């Protein structure tokens, strides 16, 4: 058995008949796989904040649409609007508010999806899962080693 601080130990059994020599390759000791004990909570918070951001973006979109409708009442044209100078700032503000709502909605959606994935794929705190699976590779073998705590 070979071990080092902060590394996964390696052990192997070799049978060598008397008066013979045999070499043994010892692989580089791997780092242990750690699990995040608070990942489920972080995921739940991410889902909540992301959902709030999506709701906020909808509110901003409705407000932007309302502002746009009232700001363009004195404008002429259907494709390119021609507005009096008094309305130009209001039209630009409504457009900016709509763009901010879009960015907030996209960021909230990404955060909610990422939080949901973290929440779903993290081990339950009460499940007692204390398992680390580590790849083991040497010149003569390859595989996985599983280490568990009880």
N, C-alpha and C. Protein backbone atom coordinates (compact mmCIF):
# COMPACT_ATOMS: atom_id res chain seq x y z
N UNK A 1 0.85 -1.18 0.00
CA UNK A 1 0.00 0.00 0.00
C UNK A 1 0.89 1.23 0.00
N UNK A 2 0.50 2.20 -0.88
CA UNK A 2 1.22 3.47 -0.97
C UNK A 2 0.21 4.56 -0.69
N UNK A 3 0.58 5.54 0.15
CA UNK A 3 -0.33 6.64 0.45
C UNK A 3 0.47 7.93 0.59
N UNK A 4 -0.24 9.03 0.44
CA UNK A 4 0.34 10.35 0.63
C UNK A 4 -0.76 11.26 1.14
N UNK A 5 -0.41 12.29 1.91
CA UNK A 5 -1.44 13.19 2.43
C UNK A 5 -2.21 13.87 1.28
N UNK A 6 -3.53 13.87 1.38
CA UNK A 6 -4.37 14.52 0.39
C UNK A 6 -4.52 13.74 -0.90
N UNK A 7 -4.10 12.49 -0.94
CA UNK A 7 -4.20 11.66 -2.15
C UNK A 7 -4.92 10.36 -1.81
N UNK A 8 -5.46 9.72 -2.87
CA UNK A 8 -6.12 8.43 -2.72
C UNK A 8 -5.04 7.35 -2.62
N UNK A 9 -5.09 6.49 -1.60
CA UNK A 9 -4.07 5.44 -1.48
C UNK A 9 -4.17 4.40 -2.59
N UNK A 10 -3.06 3.77 -2.88
CA UNK A 10 -2.99 2.72 -3.90
C UNK A 10 -2.46 1.46 -3.24
N UNK A 11 -3.11 0.34 -3.53
CA UNK A 11 -2.60 -0.93 -3.01
C UNK A 11 -2.69 -1.98 -4.11
N UNK A 12 -1.79 -2.93 -4.03
CA UNK A 12 -1.74 -4.01 -5.00
C UNK A 12 -1.13 -5.23 -4.33
N UNK A 13 -1.53 -6.40 -4.80
CA UNK A 13 -0.98 -7.65 -4.28
C UNK A 13 -0.20 -8.33 -5.40
N UNK A 14 1.04 -8.69 -5.09
CA UNK A 14 1.90 -9.33 -6.07
C UNK A 14 2.48 -10.59 -5.43
N UNK A 15 2.42 -11.68 -6.18
CA UNK A 15 3.03 -12.91 -5.69
C UNK A 15 4.32 -13.15 -6.46
N UNK A 16 5.40 -13.25 -5.74
CA UNK A 16 6.71 -13.47 -6.36
C UNK A 16 7.29 -14.77 -5.81
N UNK A 17 7.52 -15.75 -6.69
CA UNK A 17 8.14 -17.01 -6.22
C UNK A 17 9.54 -16.75 -5.69
N UNK A 18 10.00 -17.66 -4.85
CA UNK A 18 11.35 -17.51 -4.28
C UNK A 18 12.40 -17.43 -5.37
N UNK A 19 13.40 -16.65 -5.10
CA UNK A 19 14.57 -16.43 -5.96
C UNK A 19 14.21 -15.83 -7.32
N UNK A 20 13.10 -15.14 -7.41
CA UNK A 20 12.76 -14.43 -8.64
C UNK A 20 12.53 -12.96 -8.31
N UNK A 21 12.63 -12.12 -9.32
CA UNK A 21 12.42 -10.68 -9.17
C UNK A 21 11.23 -10.27 -10.03
N UNK A 22 10.52 -9.31 -9.55
CA UNK A 22 9.38 -8.80 -10.30
C UNK A 22 9.28 -7.30 -10.03
N UNK A 23 9.04 -6.55 -11.10
CA UNK A 23 8.91 -5.10 -10.92
C UNK A 23 7.42 -4.75 -10.80
N UNK A 24 7.16 -3.67 -10.12
CA UNK A 24 5.79 -3.22 -9.89
C UNK A 24 5.73 -1.73 -10.19
N UNK A 25 4.85 -1.35 -11.08
CA UNK A 25 4.67 0.07 -11.40
C UNK A 25 3.62 0.65 -10.46
N UNK A 26 3.97 1.73 -9.82
CA UNK A 26 3.04 2.41 -8.92
C UNK A 26 2.57 3.68 -9.62
N UNK A 27 1.27 3.79 -9.86
CA UNK A 27 0.77 4.97 -10.58
C UNK A 27 0.82 6.22 -9.70
N UNK A 28 0.73 7.35 -10.37
CA UNK A 28 0.66 8.62 -9.65
C UNK A 28 -0.62 8.61 -8.83
N UNK A 29 -0.52 8.95 -7.56
CA UNK A 29 -1.67 8.92 -6.68
C UNK A 29 -2.63 10.06 -7.05
N UNK A 30 -3.89 9.72 -7.18
CA UNK A 30 -4.91 10.68 -7.60
C UNK A 30 -5.44 11.47 -6.42
N UNK A 31 -6.04 12.61 -6.73
CA UNK A 31 -6.72 13.40 -5.71
C UNK A 31 -8.10 12.78 -5.45
N UNK A 32 -8.59 12.83 -4.23
CA UNK A 32 -9.92 12.28 -3.96
C UNK A 32 -11.01 13.16 -4.56
N UNK A 33 -12.11 12.54 -4.90
CA UNK A 33 -13.26 13.27 -5.40
C UNK A 33 -14.05 13.75 -4.20
N UNK A 34 -14.38 15.02 -4.19
CA UNK A 34 -15.13 15.57 -3.06
C UNK A 34 -16.55 15.90 -3.51
N UNK A 35 -17.45 15.88 -2.58
CA UNK A 35 -18.82 16.26 -2.88
C UNK A 35 -19.15 17.55 -2.14
N UNK A 36 -20.04 18.31 -2.70
CA UNK A 36 -20.45 19.60 -2.14
C UNK A 36 -21.62 19.38 -1.20
N UNK A 37 -21.43 19.64 0.07
CA UNK A 37 -22.50 19.39 1.03
C UNK A 37 -23.61 20.44 0.97
N UNK A 38 -23.32 21.60 0.44
CA UNK A 38 -24.34 22.65 0.38
C UNK A 38 -24.83 22.91 -1.04
N UNK A 39 -24.50 22.04 -1.98
CA UNK A 39 -24.88 22.27 -3.38
C UNK A 39 -26.40 22.27 -3.57
N UNK A 40 -27.11 21.44 -2.85
CA UNK A 40 -28.58 21.42 -3.01
C UNK A 40 -29.17 22.74 -2.55
N UNK A 41 -28.67 23.29 -1.46
CA UNK A 41 -29.17 24.58 -0.98
C UNK A 41 -28.83 25.68 -1.96
N UNK A 42 -27.61 25.67 -2.48
CA UNK A 42 -27.20 26.67 -3.48
C UNK A 42 -28.09 26.55 -4.72
N UNK A 43 -28.39 25.33 -5.13
CA UNK A 43 -29.27 25.11 -6.27
C UNK A 43 -30.66 25.67 -6.04
N UNK A 44 -31.21 25.44 -4.86
CA UNK A 44 -32.54 25.97 -4.53
C UNK A 44 -32.55 27.50 -4.56
N UNK A 45 -31.50 28.10 -4.02
CA UNK A 45 -31.40 29.56 -4.03
C UNK A 45 -31.28 30.07 -5.47
N UNK A 46 -30.49 29.37 -6.30
CA UNK A 46 -30.35 29.74 -7.70
C UNK A 46 -31.68 29.68 -8.45
N UNK A 47 -32.48 28.64 -8.18
CA UNK A 47 -33.79 28.53 -8.81
C UNK A 47 -34.69 29.68 -8.36
N UNK A 48 -34.68 29.99 -7.08
CA UNK A 48 -35.54 31.07 -6.57
C UNK A 48 -35.15 32.43 -7.15
N UNK A 49 -33.86 32.72 -7.15
CA UNK A 49 -33.40 34.01 -7.68
C UNK A 49 -33.65 34.07 -9.19
N UNK A 50 -33.39 32.97 -9.89
CA UNK A 50 -33.63 32.94 -11.33
C UNK A 50 -35.10 33.14 -11.67
N UNK A 51 -35.97 32.49 -10.92
CA UNK A 51 -37.41 32.65 -11.15
C UNK A 51 -37.85 34.08 -10.87
N UNK A 52 -37.31 34.68 -9.81
CA UNK A 52 -37.63 36.08 -9.51
C UNK A 52 -37.16 37.01 -10.62
N UNK A 53 -36.00 36.71 -11.19
CA UNK A 53 -35.48 37.53 -12.30
C UNK A 53 -36.35 37.39 -13.54
N UNK A 54 -36.84 36.18 -13.80
CA UNK A 54 -37.73 35.98 -14.96
C UNK A 54 -39.03 36.75 -14.75
N UNK A 55 -39.60 36.69 -13.56
CA UNK A 55 -40.83 37.44 -13.27
C UNK A 55 -40.57 38.95 -13.41
N UNK A 56 -39.41 39.40 -12.91
CA UNK A 56 -39.05 40.81 -13.04
C UNK A 56 -38.93 41.21 -14.50
N UNK A 57 -38.38 40.33 -15.32
CA UNK A 57 -38.25 40.66 -16.75
C UNK A 57 -39.61 40.78 -17.43
N UNK A 58 -40.56 39.96 -17.00
CA UNK A 58 -41.91 40.06 -17.56
C UNK A 58 -42.54 41.41 -17.16
N UNK A 59 -42.36 41.80 -15.91
CA UNK A 59 -42.89 43.08 -15.45
C UNK A 59 -42.23 44.23 -16.23
N UNK A 60 -40.91 44.15 -16.41
CA UNK A 60 -40.21 45.18 -17.19
C UNK A 60 -40.70 45.20 -18.64
N UNK A 61 -40.98 44.05 -19.21
CA UNK A 61 -41.48 43.98 -20.57
C UNK A 61 -42.85 44.62 -20.71
N UNK A 62 -43.73 44.36 -19.75
CA UNK A 62 -45.07 44.95 -19.78
C UNK A 62 -44.97 46.47 -19.63
N UNK A 63 -44.13 46.91 -18.70
CA UNK A 63 -43.93 48.35 -18.49
C UNK A 63 -43.33 49.00 -19.73
N UNK A 64 -42.34 48.34 -20.34
CA UNK A 64 -41.71 48.86 -21.54
C UNK A 64 -42.71 48.97 -22.68
N UNK A 65 -43.55 47.96 -22.84
CA UNK A 65 -44.56 47.99 -23.90
C UNK A 65 -45.56 49.13 -23.67
N UNK A 66 -45.96 49.31 -22.43
CA UNK A 66 -46.89 50.39 -22.10
C UNK A 66 -46.26 51.75 -22.38
N UNK A 67 -45.00 51.94 -21.94
CA UNK A 67 -44.29 53.19 -22.19
C UNK A 67 -44.11 53.43 -23.68
N UNK A 68 -43.78 52.38 -24.42
CA UNK A 68 -43.58 52.49 -25.87
C UNK A 68 -44.89 52.92 -26.55
N UNK A 69 -46.00 52.29 -26.14
CA UNK A 69 -47.30 52.62 -26.75
C UNK A 69 -47.67 54.08 -26.50
N UNK A 70 -47.46 54.55 -25.27
CA UNK A 70 -47.81 55.94 -24.97
C UNK A 70 -46.83 56.92 -25.60
N UNK A 71 -45.56 56.53 -25.73
CA UNK A 71 -44.56 57.43 -26.31
C UNK A 71 -44.69 57.55 -27.82
N UNK A 72 -45.23 56.54 -28.47
CA UNK A 72 -45.32 56.56 -29.94
C UNK A 72 -46.68 57.02 -30.45
N UNK A 73 -47.56 57.51 -29.57
CA UNK A 73 -48.88 57.95 -30.03
C UNK A 73 -48.80 59.15 -30.96
N UNK A 74 -47.84 60.02 -30.79
CA UNK A 74 -47.72 61.19 -31.66
C UNK A 74 -46.76 60.97 -32.82
N UNK A 75 -46.30 59.73 -33.03
CA UNK A 75 -45.33 59.43 -34.09
C UNK A 75 -46.05 58.98 -35.35
N UNK A 76 -45.36 59.13 -36.48
CA UNK A 76 -45.93 58.70 -37.76
C UNK A 76 -45.05 57.62 -38.36
N UNK A 77 -45.62 56.75 -39.16
CA UNK A 77 -44.88 55.69 -39.82
C UNK A 77 -45.14 54.35 -39.17
N UNK A 78 -44.86 53.27 -39.92
CA UNK A 78 -45.06 51.94 -39.38
C UNK A 78 -43.74 51.21 -39.18
N UNK A 79 -42.81 51.30 -40.14
CA UNK A 79 -41.51 50.63 -40.00
C UNK A 79 -40.55 51.50 -39.21
N UNK A 80 -40.18 52.62 -39.78
CA UNK A 80 -39.33 53.60 -39.10
C UNK A 80 -40.22 54.71 -38.61
N UNK A 81 -40.19 54.93 -37.31
CA UNK A 81 -41.06 55.95 -36.73
C UNK A 81 -40.44 57.33 -36.87
N UNK A 82 -41.28 58.29 -37.14
CA UNK A 82 -40.87 59.69 -37.15
C UNK A 82 -41.64 60.35 -36.02
N UNK A 83 -40.90 60.75 -34.99
CA UNK A 83 -41.54 61.27 -33.79
C UNK A 83 -41.15 62.73 -33.58
N UNK A 84 -42.03 63.49 -32.93
CA UNK A 84 -41.64 64.83 -32.53
C UNK A 84 -40.51 64.76 -31.50
N UNK A 85 -39.72 65.77 -31.44
CA UNK A 85 -38.56 65.77 -30.55
C UNK A 85 -38.95 65.53 -29.09
N UNK A 86 -40.10 65.96 -28.69
CA UNK A 86 -40.54 65.77 -27.30
C UNK A 86 -40.75 64.29 -26.97
N UNK A 87 -41.02 63.46 -27.97
CA UNK A 87 -41.30 62.05 -27.74
C UNK A 87 -40.06 61.17 -27.91
N UNK A 88 -39.00 61.67 -28.52
CA UNK A 88 -37.82 60.84 -28.83
C UNK A 88 -37.21 60.26 -27.56
N UNK A 89 -37.04 61.06 -26.52
CA UNK A 89 -36.45 60.56 -25.27
C UNK A 89 -37.33 59.49 -24.64
N UNK A 90 -38.64 59.66 -24.69
CA UNK A 90 -39.55 58.67 -24.12
C UNK A 90 -39.49 57.35 -24.90
N UNK A 91 -39.39 57.44 -26.23
CA UNK A 91 -39.28 56.24 -27.05
C UNK A 91 -37.97 55.51 -26.75
N UNK A 92 -36.88 56.26 -26.64
CA UNK A 92 -35.57 55.64 -26.34
C UNK A 92 -35.56 55.02 -24.94
N UNK A 93 -36.18 55.68 -23.98
CA UNK A 93 -36.26 55.12 -22.62
C UNK A 93 -37.06 53.82 -22.61
N UNK A 94 -38.17 53.78 -23.36
CA UNK A 94 -38.98 52.55 -23.43
C UNK A 94 -38.18 51.42 -24.08
N UNK A 95 -37.43 51.73 -25.13
CA UNK A 95 -36.61 50.71 -25.79
C UNK A 95 -35.52 50.20 -24.84
N UNK A 96 -34.87 51.12 -24.11
CA UNK A 96 -33.83 50.72 -23.16
C UNK A 96 -34.41 49.83 -22.06
N UNK A 97 -35.58 50.18 -21.56
CA UNK A 97 -36.23 49.37 -20.53
C UNK A 97 -36.54 47.97 -21.06
N UNK A 98 -36.98 47.88 -22.29
CA UNK A 98 -37.23 46.57 -22.90
C UNK A 98 -35.97 45.75 -23.04
N UNK A 99 -34.85 46.39 -23.43
CA UNK A 99 -33.57 45.68 -23.53
C UNK A 99 -33.09 45.19 -22.17
N UNK A 100 -33.25 46.02 -21.15
CA UNK A 100 -32.86 45.61 -19.79
C UNK A 100 -33.71 44.41 -19.35
N UNK A 101 -35.00 44.46 -19.63
CA UNK A 101 -35.88 43.34 -19.28
C UNK A 101 -35.47 42.06 -19.98
N UNK A 102 -35.04 42.17 -21.24
CA UNK A 102 -34.58 40.98 -21.98
C UNK A 102 -33.34 40.38 -21.34
N UNK A 103 -32.37 41.23 -21.00
CA UNK A 103 -31.14 40.74 -20.37
C UNK A 103 -31.43 40.10 -19.01
N UNK A 104 -32.27 40.74 -18.22
CA UNK A 104 -32.64 40.20 -16.90
C UNK A 104 -33.34 38.85 -17.07
N UNK A 105 -34.21 38.73 -18.07
CA UNK A 105 -34.93 37.47 -18.29
C UNK A 105 -34.00 36.34 -18.71
N UNK A 106 -33.08 36.64 -19.62
CA UNK A 106 -32.13 35.60 -20.07
C UNK A 106 -31.24 35.17 -18.92
N UNK A 107 -30.70 36.13 -18.16
CA UNK A 107 -29.84 35.79 -17.02
C UNK A 107 -30.61 34.99 -15.97
N UNK A 108 -31.86 35.38 -15.73
CA UNK A 108 -32.68 34.64 -14.76
C UNK A 108 -32.97 33.23 -15.21
N UNK A 109 -33.23 33.06 -16.51
CA UNK A 109 -33.48 31.71 -17.03
C UNK A 109 -32.25 30.82 -16.91
N UNK A 110 -31.10 31.38 -17.25
CA UNK A 110 -29.85 30.60 -17.13
C UNK A 110 -29.59 30.24 -15.67
N UNK A 111 -29.78 31.19 -14.77
CA UNK A 111 -29.56 30.92 -13.34
C UNK A 111 -30.55 29.88 -12.82
N UNK A 112 -31.80 29.96 -13.23
CA UNK A 112 -32.80 28.99 -12.78
C UNK A 112 -32.49 27.59 -13.29
N UNK A 113 -32.09 27.48 -14.55
CA UNK A 113 -31.75 26.17 -15.11
C UNK A 113 -30.50 25.60 -14.44
N UNK A 114 -29.49 26.42 -14.25
CA UNK A 114 -28.28 25.96 -13.56
C UNK A 114 -28.56 25.56 -12.13
N UNK A 115 -29.37 26.34 -11.43
CA UNK A 115 -29.74 26.00 -10.06
C UNK A 115 -30.53 24.71 -9.98
N UNK A 116 -31.44 24.52 -10.95
CA UNK A 116 -32.23 23.29 -10.96
C UNK A 116 -31.35 22.07 -11.21
N UNK A 117 -30.38 22.21 -12.10
CA UNK A 117 -29.46 21.09 -12.36
C UNK A 117 -28.63 20.77 -11.12
N UNK A 118 -28.14 21.81 -10.46
CA UNK A 118 -27.35 21.61 -9.24
C UNK A 118 -28.20 20.97 -8.15
N UNK A 119 -29.40 21.43 -8.00
CA UNK A 119 -30.32 20.90 -7.01
C UNK A 119 -30.66 19.44 -7.30
N UNK A 120 -30.94 19.13 -8.55
CA UNK A 120 -31.36 17.77 -8.92
C UNK A 120 -30.22 16.76 -8.84
N UNK A 121 -29.04 17.13 -9.31
CA UNK A 121 -27.94 16.18 -9.42
C UNK A 121 -27.06 16.09 -8.17
N UNK A 122 -27.25 16.93 -7.18
CA UNK A 122 -26.46 16.85 -5.95
C UNK A 122 -27.02 15.76 -5.05
N UNK A 123 -26.15 15.08 -4.31
CA UNK A 123 -26.65 14.02 -3.42
C UNK A 123 -27.43 14.61 -2.26
N UNK A 124 -28.42 13.86 -1.81
CA UNK A 124 -29.21 14.29 -0.66
C UNK A 124 -28.34 14.23 0.59
N UNK A 125 -28.52 15.20 1.48
CA UNK A 125 -27.72 15.25 2.71
C UNK A 125 -28.04 14.07 3.62
N UNK A 126 -29.27 13.61 3.61
CA UNK A 126 -29.66 12.52 4.51
C UNK A 126 -29.50 11.14 3.88
N UNK A 127 -29.00 11.07 2.65
CA UNK A 127 -28.89 9.77 2.00
C UNK A 127 -27.65 9.00 2.46
N UNK A 128 -26.73 9.68 3.12
CA UNK A 128 -25.53 9.01 3.60
C UNK A 128 -24.55 8.68 2.50
N UNK A 129 -24.69 9.31 1.36
CA UNK A 129 -23.77 9.02 0.25
C UNK A 129 -22.41 9.63 0.55
N UNK A 130 -21.45 8.80 0.76
CA UNK A 130 -20.08 9.23 1.02
C UNK A 130 -19.16 8.40 0.14
N UNK A 131 -19.43 8.44 -1.13
CA UNK A 131 -18.72 7.59 -2.07
C UNK A 131 -17.87 8.45 -2.98
N UNK A 132 -16.63 8.06 -3.17
CA UNK A 132 -15.73 8.71 -4.12
C UNK A 132 -15.29 7.67 -5.13
N UNK A 133 -15.44 7.99 -6.40
CA UNK A 133 -14.99 7.09 -7.47
C UNK A 133 -13.85 7.80 -8.19
N UNK A 134 -12.70 7.14 -8.25
CA UNK A 134 -11.49 7.75 -8.79
C UNK A 134 -10.92 6.85 -9.87
N UNK A 135 -10.53 7.43 -11.02
CA UNK A 135 -9.89 6.61 -12.05
C UNK A 135 -8.49 6.18 -11.62
N UNK A 136 -8.12 4.95 -11.95
CA UNK A 136 -6.79 4.43 -11.65
C UNK A 136 -6.19 3.95 -12.97
N UNK A 137 -5.03 4.48 -13.31
CA UNK A 137 -4.37 4.11 -14.56
C UNK A 137 -2.91 3.82 -14.26
N UNK A 138 -2.42 2.70 -14.77
CA UNK A 138 -1.01 2.33 -14.66
C UNK A 138 -0.59 1.73 -15.99
N UNK A 139 0.69 1.45 -16.17
CA UNK A 139 1.11 0.86 -17.44
C UNK A 139 0.47 -0.49 -17.74
N UNK A 140 0.02 -1.21 -16.74
CA UNK A 140 -0.52 -2.55 -16.96
C UNK A 140 -2.02 -2.67 -16.70
N UNK A 141 -2.65 -1.62 -16.14
CA UNK A 141 -4.07 -1.73 -15.84
C UNK A 141 -4.74 -0.37 -15.89
N UNK A 142 -6.03 -0.41 -16.07
CA UNK A 142 -6.84 0.81 -16.02
C UNK A 142 -8.20 0.44 -15.42
N UNK A 143 -8.75 1.36 -14.66
CA UNK A 143 -10.04 1.08 -14.05
C UNK A 143 -10.43 2.20 -13.11
N UNK A 144 -11.34 1.86 -12.21
CA UNK A 144 -11.83 2.82 -11.24
C UNK A 144 -11.71 2.23 -9.86
N UNK A 145 -11.45 3.10 -8.89
CA UNK A 145 -11.43 2.68 -7.50
C UNK A 145 -12.54 3.43 -6.78
N UNK A 146 -13.27 2.74 -5.97
CA UNK A 146 -14.36 3.34 -5.22
C UNK A 146 -14.01 3.31 -3.74
N UNK A 147 -14.16 4.45 -3.09
CA UNK A 147 -13.89 4.57 -1.67
C UNK A 147 -15.14 5.07 -0.99
N UNK A 148 -15.52 4.40 0.08
CA UNK A 148 -16.76 4.77 0.77
C UNK A 148 -16.49 5.01 2.24
N UNK A 149 -17.29 5.92 2.82
CA UNK A 149 -17.26 6.15 4.26
C UNK A 149 -18.60 5.72 4.83
N UNK A 150 -18.57 5.08 5.97
CA UNK A 150 -19.80 4.61 6.59
C UNK A 150 -19.98 5.27 7.93
